Amino acid sequence: MPSIHSVAQMQHRKQEKIEIIERKFKEILEKDYENQSAYKNTEARNHELTSLMSQMENWFDIPFLLEDAKKETSPKVLNLYQEISNARDFSIY
């Protein structure tokens, strides 16, 4: 059984990772894709958001199926993951 100290350290590292993801997400949304067509702008943003989602899947062991993710992933992490997912724009495809 992990000690209280090690559990606290794991929670702190998890919170740090959430903050990194939130910061990157904000940067992507605010990024100015100057001198690019609207299509390339959206495509680049979608790619960056998808990469961020993959990073979250690795860091937080987010399952593929939403039903499983709801059981196994903290609500804060899952909400952030879904917010990033919903920020993608598929209207260009």
Protein backbone atom coordinates (compact mmCIF):
# COMPACT_ATOMS: atom_id res chain seq x y z
CA MET A 1 0.00 0.00 0.00
CA PRO A 2 1.48 3.38 -0.99
CA SER A 3 2.28 5.85 1.73
CA ILE A 4 0.31 9.04 2.14
CA HIS A 5 3.39 10.95 1.01
CA SER A 6 3.76 8.97 -2.23
CA VAL A 7 0.05 9.35 -2.98
CA ALA A 8 0.36 13.10 -2.44
CA GLN A 9 3.38 13.20 -4.78
CA MET A 10 1.47 11.30 -7.48
CA GLN A 11 -1.48 13.68 -7.16
CA HIS A 12 0.90 16.66 -7.41
CA ARG A 13 2.52 15.24 -10.57
CA LYS A 14 -0.92 14.57 -12.04
CA GLN A 15 -1.96 18.16 -11.33
CA GLU A 16 1.26 19.45 -12.93
CA LYS A 17 0.49 17.41 -16.06
CA ILE A 18 -3.06 18.77 -16.18
CA GLU A 19 -1.67 22.30 -15.97
CA ILE A 20 0.78 21.59 -18.80
CA ILE A 21 -2.05 20.27 -20.98
CA GLU A 22 -4.30 23.24 -20.14
CA ARG A 23 -1.48 25.66 -21.01
CA LYS A 24 -0.76 23.92 -24.33
CA PHE A 25 -4.48 23.84 -25.15
CA LYS A 26 -4.77 27.58 -24.54
CA GLU A 27 -1.68 28.23 -26.69
CA ILE A 28 -3.16 26.22 -29.57
CA LEU A 29 -6.47 28.07 -29.40
CA GLU A 30 -4.74 31.45 -29.31
CA LYS A 31 -2.13 30.66 -31.95
CA ASP A 32 -2.13 32.88 -35.00
CA TYR A 33 -1.50 30.85 -38.12
CA GLU A 34 -0.50 33.92 -40.09
CA ASN A 35 -0.10 33.65 -43.87
CA GLN A 36 -2.06 30.41 -44.09
CA SER A 37 -5.33 29.70 -45.78
CA ALA A 38 -8.34 28.96 -43.60
CA TYR A 39 -8.06 25.27 -44.52
CA LYS A 40 -4.39 25.00 -43.50
CA ASN A 41 -5.10 26.97 -40.33
CA THR A 42 -7.86 24.57 -39.27
CA GLU A 43 -5.91 21.51 -40.37
CA ALA A 44 -2.85 22.60 -38.36
CA ARG A 45 -4.96 23.35 -35.29
CA ASN A 46 -6.74 19.98 -35.57
CA HIS A 47 -3.38 18.21 -35.80
CA GLU A 48 -2.04 19.97 -32.71
CA LEU A 49 -5.22 19.24 -30.75
CA THR A 50 -5.10 15.57 -31.77
CA SER A 51 -1.46 15.36 -30.67
CA LEU A 52 -2.42 16.90 -27.33
CA MET A 53 -5.17 14.30 -26.93
CA SER A 54 -2.65 11.52 -27.64
CA GLN A 55 -0.35 12.96 -25.00
CA MET A 56 -3.22 12.91 -22.50
CA GLU A 57 -4.06 9.30 -23.42
CA ASN A 58 -0.48 8.31 -22.63
CA TRP A 59 -0.06 10.36 -19.46
CA PHE A 60 -3.42 9.51 -17.91
CA ASP A 61 -4.08 6.04 -19.41
CA ILE A 62 -7.38 7.17 -20.91
CA PRO A 63 -9.23 4.14 -22.35
CA PHE A 64 -10.46 4.16 -25.94
CA LEU A 65 -14.13 3.62 -25.11
CA LEU A 66 -15.98 6.48 -23.43
CA GLU A 67 -17.88 4.08 -21.17
CA ASP A 68 -14.58 2.74 -19.81
CA ALA A 69 -13.04 6.21 -19.63
CA LYS A 70 -15.91 7.42 -17.46
CA LYS A 71 -15.20 4.58 -15.02
CA GLU A 72 -11.40 4.75 -15.04
CA THR A 73 -10.50 8.42 -15.60
CA SER A 74 -10.93 11.30 -13.19
CA PRO A 75 -13.72 13.69 -14.17
CA LYS A 76 -11.30 16.63 -14.38
CA VAL A 77 -9.03 14.82 -16.84
CA LEU A 78 -11.92 13.44 -18.87
CA ASN A 79 -13.63 16.84 -19.10
CA LEU A 80 -10.42 18.46 -20.32
CA TYR A 81 -9.92 15.65 -22.84
CA GLN A 82 -13.46 16.09 -24.16
CA GLU A 83 -13.06 19.87 -24.31
CA ILE A 84 -9.94 19.44 -26.46
CA SER A 85 -11.71 16.87 -28.62
CA ASN A 86 -14.68 19.19 -29.14
CA ALA A 87 -12.37 22.06 -30.14
CA ARG A 88 -11.40 20.21 -33.32
CA ASP A 89 -13.15 21.34 -36.51
CA PHE A 90 -14.09 18.66 -39.01
CA SER A 91 -16.04 20.95 -41.32
CA ILE A 92 -13.01 21.30 -43.62
CA TYR A 93 -12.91 17.59 -44.51
